[in-house]
Amino acid sequence: MRPDDWHLTDDVDSFLARAGDFLHSRPALHTIPLTVTEALRTRGAHAYGTEAPVFGILERGGEVRATYFRTPPRRLNLTPITPDESDALAAQLAAVGLAVPGVSADRDTAAAFAEAWQRHTGATPTLHERQRLYRLGTLTPPEPRPKGRGRVAGEQDRDQLMCWHGEFAAALGAVPSADAGSWADTRIAHERITFWETPDGTPVSMAGVTPMVAGQIRVAPVYTPSHLRGHGYAGAATVEVSRAALAAGAAEVLLFADLANPTSNGLYQRIGYRPVTDFAVYDF
């Protein structure tokens, strides 16, 4: 494969003009690029940091076969490609000197690209996380439901959201997508975080959702502070936002779970989520 089959751009509108139909053709599999590019399109090129994002499109005979994006300082995100395509992409990115601190993709693509990147750069890949993508089937609220209720987070909850945003990112070892204040403000403005609160009004868990793009909404993040876990709060919050996503007209409601956490994987399946495919995240 010729390396120049991959076309690079730093403009999200140009990227979507060429690759939008491809991404919309499989909204579940492409949920990450769909939601990230929507955020960049609506909030601007610096929605995820001060450095400009980078996009790539693999085309053959005028047809888009795959895409990638990177929002520095985060990892490269790839749609499914073959080992030969992974090798060609790694060669091109290494040749142009693009920094690639890691890769996130479906399991086979991530492994193939990690091996190719090591061949071309000498960087040693380390498996950071294995994830499973789930799609909601029939929503089944857990029984017994914990005492309390769901409530959409509002302005009065800004400090709580900022605190939990930081705790959630730290627990994942992740780079926050934005500063905590901006993150909280955006989600409050668009009513995208729901708390589960106890009967006395104390928030004990939160579940968020992405904007609807291509008929899909992804549940993220789901977080319960460690000292409050084991009471069913996360399941109750996830049911609340899942129900709201269906009511909003989502054709697909999705979420990712860390495969190293059997508790969350078991919970999501009990409330109606079914496996779609596995993903992997590598650091270089």
Protein backbone atom coordinates (compact mmCIF):
# COMPACT_ATOMS: atom_id res chain seq x y z
CA MET A 1 0.00 0.00 0.00
CA ARG A 2 1.28 3.45 -0.85
CA PRO A 3 1.81 5.65 2.24
CA ASP A 4 0.19 8.57 0.43
CA ASP A 5 -3.16 6.75 0.47
CA TRP A 6 -3.50 8.39 3.90
CA HIS A 7 -4.53 12.05 3.62
CA LEU A 8 -3.80 14.35 6.56
CA THR A 9 -5.62 17.51 7.66
CA ASP A 10 -5.93 19.64 10.76
CA ASP A 11 -9.38 21.00 9.88
CA VAL A 12 -12.37 19.18 11.32
CA ASP A 13 -14.81 20.50 8.70
CA SER A 14 -12.62 19.27 5.84
CA PHE A 15 -12.24 15.95 7.60
CA LEU A 16 -15.98 15.51 8.07
CA ALA A 17 -16.73 16.60 4.50
CA ARG A 18 -14.67 13.65 3.25
CA ALA A 19 -15.17 11.10 6.03
CA GLY A 20 -18.54 11.98 7.60
CA ASP A 21 -20.58 9.45 5.62
CA PHE A 22 -18.08 6.71 6.46
CA LEU A 23 -18.23 7.48 10.18
CA HIS A 24 -22.04 7.63 10.13
CA SER A 25 -22.23 4.26 8.35
CA ARG A 26 -21.29 2.41 11.57
CA PRO A 27 -22.15 4.74 14.43
CA ALA A 28 -21.55 2.24 17.23
CA LEU A 29 -18.09 1.21 16.05
CA HIS A 30 -17.21 4.84 15.28
CA THR A 31 -18.70 6.36 18.43
CA ILE A 32 -15.45 7.95 19.62
CA PRO A 33 -14.54 9.81 16.39
CA LEU A 34 -18.17 10.84 15.96
CA THR A 35 -18.45 12.40 19.40
CA VAL A 36 -14.97 13.95 19.39
CA THR A 37 -15.40 15.56 15.98
CA GLU A 38 -18.84 16.85 17.03
CA ALA A 39 -17.25 18.53 20.04
CA LEU A 40 -14.52 20.05 17.87
CA ARG A 41 -17.08 21.22 15.32
CA THR A 42 -19.33 22.88 17.88
CA ARG A 43 -16.81 24.07 20.49
CA GLY A 44 -13.81 24.86 18.30
CA ALA A 45 -10.41 23.38 17.52
CA HIS A 46 -9.19 23.83 21.09
CA ALA A 47 -12.01 21.92 22.77
CA TYR A 48 -9.50 19.31 23.96
CA GLY A 49 -6.41 21.45 24.50
CA THR A 50 -4.21 24.17 23.14
CA GLU A 51 -2.69 22.13 20.32
CA ALA A 52 -4.61 21.65 17.08
CA PRO A 53 -6.08 18.23 16.38
CA VAL A 54 -4.80 16.07 13.52
CA PHE A 55 -6.96 13.89 11.26
CA GLY A 56 -6.21 11.25 8.67
CA ILE A 57 -8.31 9.57 6.00
CA LEU A 58 -7.50 6.37 4.13
CA GLU A 59 -9.06 6.47 0.65
CA ARG A 60 -9.01 3.98 -2.20
CA GLY A 61 -10.76 4.58 -5.50
CA GLY A 62 -12.55 7.58 -4.03
CA GLU A 63 -13.93 5.54 -1.12
CA VAL A 64 -13.04 6.14 2.51
CA ARG A 65 -11.82 2.95 4.16
CA ALA A 66 -10.59 4.19 7.54
CA THR A 67 -9.82 7.29 9.59
CA TYR A 68 -7.77 8.42 12.53
CA PHE A 69 -7.58 11.46 14.75
CA ARG A 70 -5.39 12.75 17.53
CA THR A 71 -6.17 15.56 19.99
CA PRO A 72 -2.79 16.29 21.61
CA PRO A 73 -1.55 15.29 24.11
CA ARG A 74 -3.79 12.23 23.85
CA ARG A 75 -3.32 8.97 22.00
CA LEU A 76 -4.01 8.25 18.34
CA ASN A 77 -7.53 6.92 17.76
CA LEU A 78 -7.99 4.58 14.80
CA THR A 79 -10.96 2.96 13.07
CA PRO A 80 -10.39 -0.69 12.01
CA ILE A 81 -7.57 -1.28 9.51
CA THR A 82 -5.53 -4.27 8.35
CA PRO A 83 -1.98 -5.06 9.53
CA ASP A 84 -0.60 -3.86 6.16
CA GLU A 85 -2.53 -0.60 6.50
CA SER A 86 -1.25 -0.24 10.06
CA ASP A 87 2.31 -0.65 8.84
CA ALA A 88 1.89 1.96 6.10
CA LEU A 89 0.32 4.42 8.53
CA ALA A 90 3.05 3.90 11.13
CA ALA A 91 5.68 4.47 8.45
CA GLN A 92 4.05 7.69 7.30
CA LEU A 93 3.53 9.12 10.78
CA ALA A 94 7.09 8.28 11.77
CA ALA A 95 8.40 9.88 8.56
CA VAL A 96 6.57 13.17 9.15
CA GLY A 97 7.58 13.21 12.82
CA LEU A 98 4.07 13.14 14.26
CA ALA A 99 4.16 12.45 18.00
CA VAL A 100 2.21 9.33 18.86
CA PRO A 101 2.18 8.62 22.61
CA GLY A 102 -0.17 5.66 22.22
CA VAL A 103 -3.08 4.20 20.27
CA SER A 104 -6.72 3.37 20.98
CA ALA A 105 -8.67 1.19 18.55
CA ASP A 106 -10.49 -2.09 18.23
CA ARG A 107 -8.39 -4.88 19.73
CA ASP A 108 -6.83 -6.24 16.51
CA THR A 109 -6.12 -2.82 14.98
CA ALA A 110 -4.55 -1.52 18.18
CA ALA A 111 -2.26 -4.54 18.45
CA ALA A 112 -1.24 -4.34 14.77
CA PHE A 113 -0.48 -0.64 14.93
CA ALA A 114 1.45 -1.01 18.21
CA GLU A 115 3.66 -3.65 16.59
CA ALA A 116 4.13 -1.52 13.47
CA TRP A 117 5.01 1.57 15.50
CA GLN A 118 7.64 -0.41 17.38
CA ARG A 119 9.16 -1.62 14.09
CA HIS A 120 9.37 1.88 12.65
CA THR A 121 10.36 3.84 15.76
CA GLY A 122 11.77 1.41 18.30
CA ALA A 123 9.18 2.55 20.87
CA THR A 124 8.02 -0.19 23.23
CA PRO A 125 4.23 -0.60 23.40
CA THR A 126 2.61 -1.26 26.77
CA LEU A 127 -0.97 -2.44 27.06
CA HIS A 128 -2.75 0.24 29.12
CA GLU A 129 -6.33 -1.03 29.08
CA ARG A 130 -8.69 -3.50 27.47
CA GLN A 131 -12.22 -2.20 26.95
CA ARG A 132 -15.51 -3.67 25.81
CA LEU A 133 -18.04 -1.64 23.87
CA TYR A 134 -21.63 -2.38 24.83
CA ARG A 135 -24.94 -1.54 23.14
CA LEU A 136 -28.20 -1.30 25.08
CA GLY A 137 -30.76 -4.00 24.33
CA THR A 138 -33.76 -4.09 26.66
CA LEU A 139 -33.24 -1.75 29.60
CA THR A 140 -33.74 -3.72 32.82
CA PRO A 141 -33.56 -1.63 36.02
CA PRO A 142 -31.77 -3.46 38.84
CA GLU A 143 -33.75 -4.88 41.73
CA PRO A 144 -33.81 -3.86 44.45
CA ARG A 145 -33.28 -0.26 43.47
CA PRO A 146 -31.27 1.76 46.01
CA LYS A 147 -33.22 4.31 47.97
CA GLY A 148 -33.12 7.77 46.45
CA ARG A 149 -33.72 9.29 43.05
CA GLY A 150 -32.05 10.51 39.90
CA ARG A 151 -31.59 14.23 39.37
CA VAL A 152 -30.06 16.21 36.52
CA ALA A 153 -27.05 18.18 37.77
CA GLY A 154 -27.47 21.95 37.83
CA GLU A 155 -25.51 25.09 38.58
CA GLN A 156 -25.57 24.37 42.30
CA ASP A 157 -23.63 21.17 41.61
CA ARG A 158 -20.67 22.77 39.80
CA ASP A 159 -18.16 22.24 42.59
CA GLN A 160 -19.26 18.63 43.04
CA LEU A 161 -18.89 17.96 39.31
CA MET A 162 -15.45 19.55 39.19
CA CYS A 163 -14.32 17.41 42.11
CA TRP A 164 -15.65 14.16 40.65
CA HIS A 165 -14.26 15.00 37.22
CA GLY A 166 -10.78 15.16 38.69
CA GLU A 167 -11.24 12.00 40.76
CA PHE A 168 -12.56 10.08 37.74
CA ALA A 169 -9.66 11.15 35.51
CA ALA A 170 -7.15 10.28 38.24
CA ALA A 171 -8.70 6.85 38.72
CA LEU A 172 -8.32 6.16 34.99
CA GLY A 173 -4.83 7.62 34.75
CA ALA A 174 -6.25 9.76 31.94
CA VAL A 175 -5.60 13.26 30.64
CA PRO A 176 -8.72 15.34 31.40
CA SER A 177 -10.54 16.38 28.23
CA ALA A 178 -10.76 19.98 29.48
CA ASP A 179 -10.23 21.95 32.64
CA ALA A 180 -12.67 20.90 35.34
CA GLY A 181 -14.63 24.15 35.27
CA SER A 182 -15.21 24.08 31.51
CA TRP A 183 -16.08 20.39 31.68
CA ALA A 184 -18.68 21.01 34.37
CA ASP A 185 -20.11 24.12 32.71
CA THR A 186 -20.65 22.38 29.38
CA ARG A 187 -22.43 19.44 30.97
CA ILE A 188 -24.58 21.61 33.20
CA ALA A 189 -25.61 23.81 30.27
CA HIS A 190 -26.70 20.82 28.20
CA GLU A 191 -28.07 18.72 31.10
CA ARG A 192 -25.69 15.88 30.36
CA ILE A 193 -24.93 14.67 33.91
CA THR A 194 -27.39 12.90 36.19
CA PHE A 195 -26.76 12.31 39.88
CA TRP A 196 -28.14 9.51 41.94
CA GLU A 197 -28.84 11.05 45.30
CA THR A 198 -29.91 9.56 48.62
CA PRO A 199 -33.26 10.46 50.20
CA ASP A 200 -31.59 13.32 52.11
CA GLY A 201 -30.42 14.86 48.81
CA THR A 202 -26.74 13.81 48.96
CA PRO A 203 -25.24 12.98 45.53
CA VAL A 204 -23.58 9.55 45.67
CA SER A 205 -22.95 8.69 42.00
CA MET A 206 -23.05 10.31 38.58
CA ALA A 207 -23.61 9.18 35.01
CA GLY A 208 -23.15 11.34 31.94
CA VAL A 209 -23.96 11.15 28.26
CA THR A 210 -22.48 12.45 25.03
CA PRO A 211 -24.56 14.53 22.61
CA MET A 212 -26.54 12.50 20.11
CA VAL A 213 -24.63 12.07 16.85
CA ALA A 214 -25.70 9.76 14.01
CA GLY A 215 -28.52 8.46 16.18
CA GLN A 216 -26.23 7.25 18.97
CA ILE A 217 -25.63 8.46 22.50
CA ARG A 218 -22.80 7.11 24.63
CA VAL A 219 -23.01 6.88 28.40
CA ALA A 220 -19.86 8.47 29.86
CA PRO A 221 -18.62 8.95 32.46
CA VAL A 222 -20.04 6.74 35.19
CA TYR A 223 -18.44 7.42 38.56
CA THR A 224 -19.05 6.60 42.20
CA PRO A 225 -16.50 7.60 44.85
CA SER A 226 -14.73 4.54 46.24
CA HIS A 227 -16.22 4.81 49.72
CA LEU A 228 -19.77 4.81 48.30
CA ARG A 229 -19.48 1.79 46.01
CA GLY A 230 -21.30 -1.48 46.48
CA HIS A 231 -24.76 0.00 47.08
CA GLY A 232 -26.12 -0.03 43.51
CA TYR A 233 -25.79 3.71 42.99
CA ALA A 234 -23.88 3.47 39.69
CA GLY A 235 -26.43 1.07 38.25
CA ALA A 236 -29.29 3.33 39.24
CA ALA A 237 -27.61 6.39 37.71
CA THR A 238 -26.80 4.49 34.51
CA VAL A 239 -30.41 3.35 34.18
CA GLU A 240 -31.58 6.95 34.57
CA VAL A 241 -29.39 8.32 31.76
CA SER A 242 -30.03 5.28 29.55
CA ARG A 243 -33.78 5.79 29.87
CA ALA A 244 -33.37 9.49 29.09
CA ALA A 245 -31.27 8.69 26.01
CA LEU A 246 -33.98 6.40 24.68
CA ALA A 247 -36.61 9.03 25.39
CA ALA A 248 -34.53 11.56 23.45
CA GLY A 249 -34.78 9.30 20.39
CA ALA A 250 -31.40 7.58 20.36
CA ALA A 251 -31.40 4.54 18.10
CA GLU A 252 -28.31 3.20 19.88
CA VAL A 253 -27.21 3.75 23.47
CA LEU A 254 -23.61 2.71 24.03
CA LEU A 255 -20.98 2.57 26.73
CA PHE A 256 -17.43 1.32 27.29
CA ALA A 257 -16.31 -0.76 30.25
CA ASP A 258 -12.83 -1.64 31.43
CA LEU A 259 -12.47 -5.41 31.05
CA ALA A 260 -10.26 -5.47 34.14
CA ASN A 261 -13.35 -4.53 36.19
CA PRO A 262 -15.72 -7.53 36.32
CA THR A 263 -18.09 -5.65 38.63
CA SER A 264 -18.94 -2.94 36.10
CA ASN A 265 -19.10 -5.38 33.19
CA GLY A 266 -21.49 -7.58 35.13
CA LEU A 267 -23.61 -4.59 36.13
CA TYR A 268 -23.98 -3.26 32.59
CA GLN A 269 -25.02 -6.66 31.28
CA ARG A 270 -27.58 -7.10 34.07
CA ILE A 271 -29.28 -3.83 33.15
CA GLY A 272 -29.48 -4.74 29.47
CA TYR A 273 -26.22 -3.84 27.73
CA ARG A 274 -24.82 -6.38 25.25
CA PRO A 275 -21.23 -6.69 23.93
CA VAL A 276 -20.42 -5.19 20.53
CA THR A 277 -16.63 -5.54 20.23
CA ASP A 278 -13.44 -5.24 22.25
CA PHE A 279 -10.99 -2.35 22.15
CA ALA A 280 -7.44 -1.96 23.41
CA VAL A 281 -5.36 1.03 24.48
CA TYR A 282 -1.55 1.01 24.24
CA ASP A 283 1.03 3.49 25.48
CA PHE A 284 4.35 3.95 23.67
